[in-house]
Amino acid sequence: MVTGFTPLIFGSLLWPVLGLPLTFTVLAVVVLVAVLWMGAVGPETRGRELDRINPEEAPPRLAPDGAAVQA
């Protein structure tokens, strides 16, 4: 959702006020926070068919090598 507004924010708001280096730094921090948030809070989908993911369903157990373990 925010992706569509990023060029507008970048071009018209941040760049003239902050300058180019600080604008890129601010946007890099925003992207880093988003990646860390998704890594911490996002659901695990490894070994699951993405079209059929049910949020209430427990993710499959994984073996040490990363392969799904049959229950």
Protein backbone atom coordinates (compact mmCIF):
# COMPACT_ATOMS: atom_id res chain seq x y z
CA MET A 1 0.00 0.00 0.00
CA VAL A 2 2.75 2.45 0.89
CA THR A 3 4.76 1.56 -2.20
CA GLY A 4 2.58 3.72 -4.43
CA PHE A 5 3.16 6.77 -2.26
CA THR A 6 6.92 6.35 -1.89
CA PRO A 7 7.85 8.16 -5.14
CA LEU A 8 5.59 11.07 -4.18
CA ILE A 9 7.04 11.29 -0.69
CA PHE A 10 10.58 10.89 -1.99
CA GLY A 11 10.33 13.42 -4.81
CA SER A 12 8.19 16.15 -3.35
CA LEU A 13 8.62 16.02 0.42
CA LEU A 14 11.85 14.46 1.61
CA TRP A 15 14.43 15.28 -1.04
CA PRO A 16 14.09 19.08 -1.01
CA VAL A 17 13.98 19.21 2.79
CA LEU A 18 16.54 16.59 3.82
CA GLY A 19 18.82 16.41 0.81
CA LEU A 20 19.60 13.32 -1.21
CA PRO A 21 21.93 11.39 1.18
CA LEU A 22 19.69 11.79 4.23
CA THR A 23 16.58 10.95 2.19
CA PHE A 24 18.12 7.65 1.08
CA THR A 25 19.19 6.95 4.68
CA VAL A 26 15.68 7.56 6.01
CA LEU A 27 14.14 5.33 3.34
CA ALA A 28 16.73 2.60 4.00
CA VAL A 29 15.86 2.65 7.71
CA VAL A 30 12.14 2.39 6.87
CA VAL A 31 12.79 -0.61 4.62
CA LEU A 32 15.00 -2.26 7.26
CA VAL A 33 12.31 -1.81 9.92
CA ALA A 34 9.71 -3.33 7.57
CA VAL A 35 11.93 -6.35 6.85
CA LEU A 36 12.67 -6.92 10.54
CA TRP A 37 8.97 -6.58 11.40
CA MET A 38 7.96 -9.18 8.80
CA GLY A 39 10.73 -11.51 9.96
CA ALA A 40 9.55 -11.30 13.55
CA VAL A 41 5.77 -11.16 13.13
CA GLY A 42 5.05 -12.64 9.70
CA PRO A 43 3.71 -16.19 9.49
CA GLU A 44 6.07 -19.04 8.55
CA THR A 45 5.10 -20.43 5.15
CA ARG A 46 8.01 -22.81 4.45
CA GLY A 47 6.77 -26.18 3.25
CA ARG A 48 3.19 -24.95 2.81
CA GLU A 49 1.18 -24.34 -0.34
CA LEU A 50 0.70 -20.56 -0.41
CA ASP A 51 -2.77 -20.69 -1.99
CA ARG A 52 -4.12 -22.78 0.88
CA ILE A 53 -2.62 -21.17 3.98
CA ASN A 54 -5.02 -20.98 6.89
CA PRO A 55 -3.87 -18.57 9.65
CA GLU A 56 -5.31 -20.83 12.38
CA GLU A 57 -3.48 -23.89 11.07
CA ALA A 58 -0.17 -24.71 12.74
CA PRO A 59 2.86 -24.60 10.44
CA PRO A 60 4.55 -27.93 9.68
CA ARG A 61 7.36 -29.12 11.92
CA LEU A 62 10.76 -28.91 10.28
CA ALA A 63 13.70 -31.29 10.49
CA PRO A 64 17.16 -29.82 11.18
CA ASP A 65 17.87 -29.80 7.45
CA GLY A 66 14.76 -27.67 6.80
CA ALA A 67 12.60 -30.44 5.32
CA ALA A 68 8.99 -30.80 6.50
CA VAL A 69 8.41 -33.65 8.94
CA GLN A 70 5.34 -35.84 8.43
CA ALA A 71 3.12 -36.00 11.51
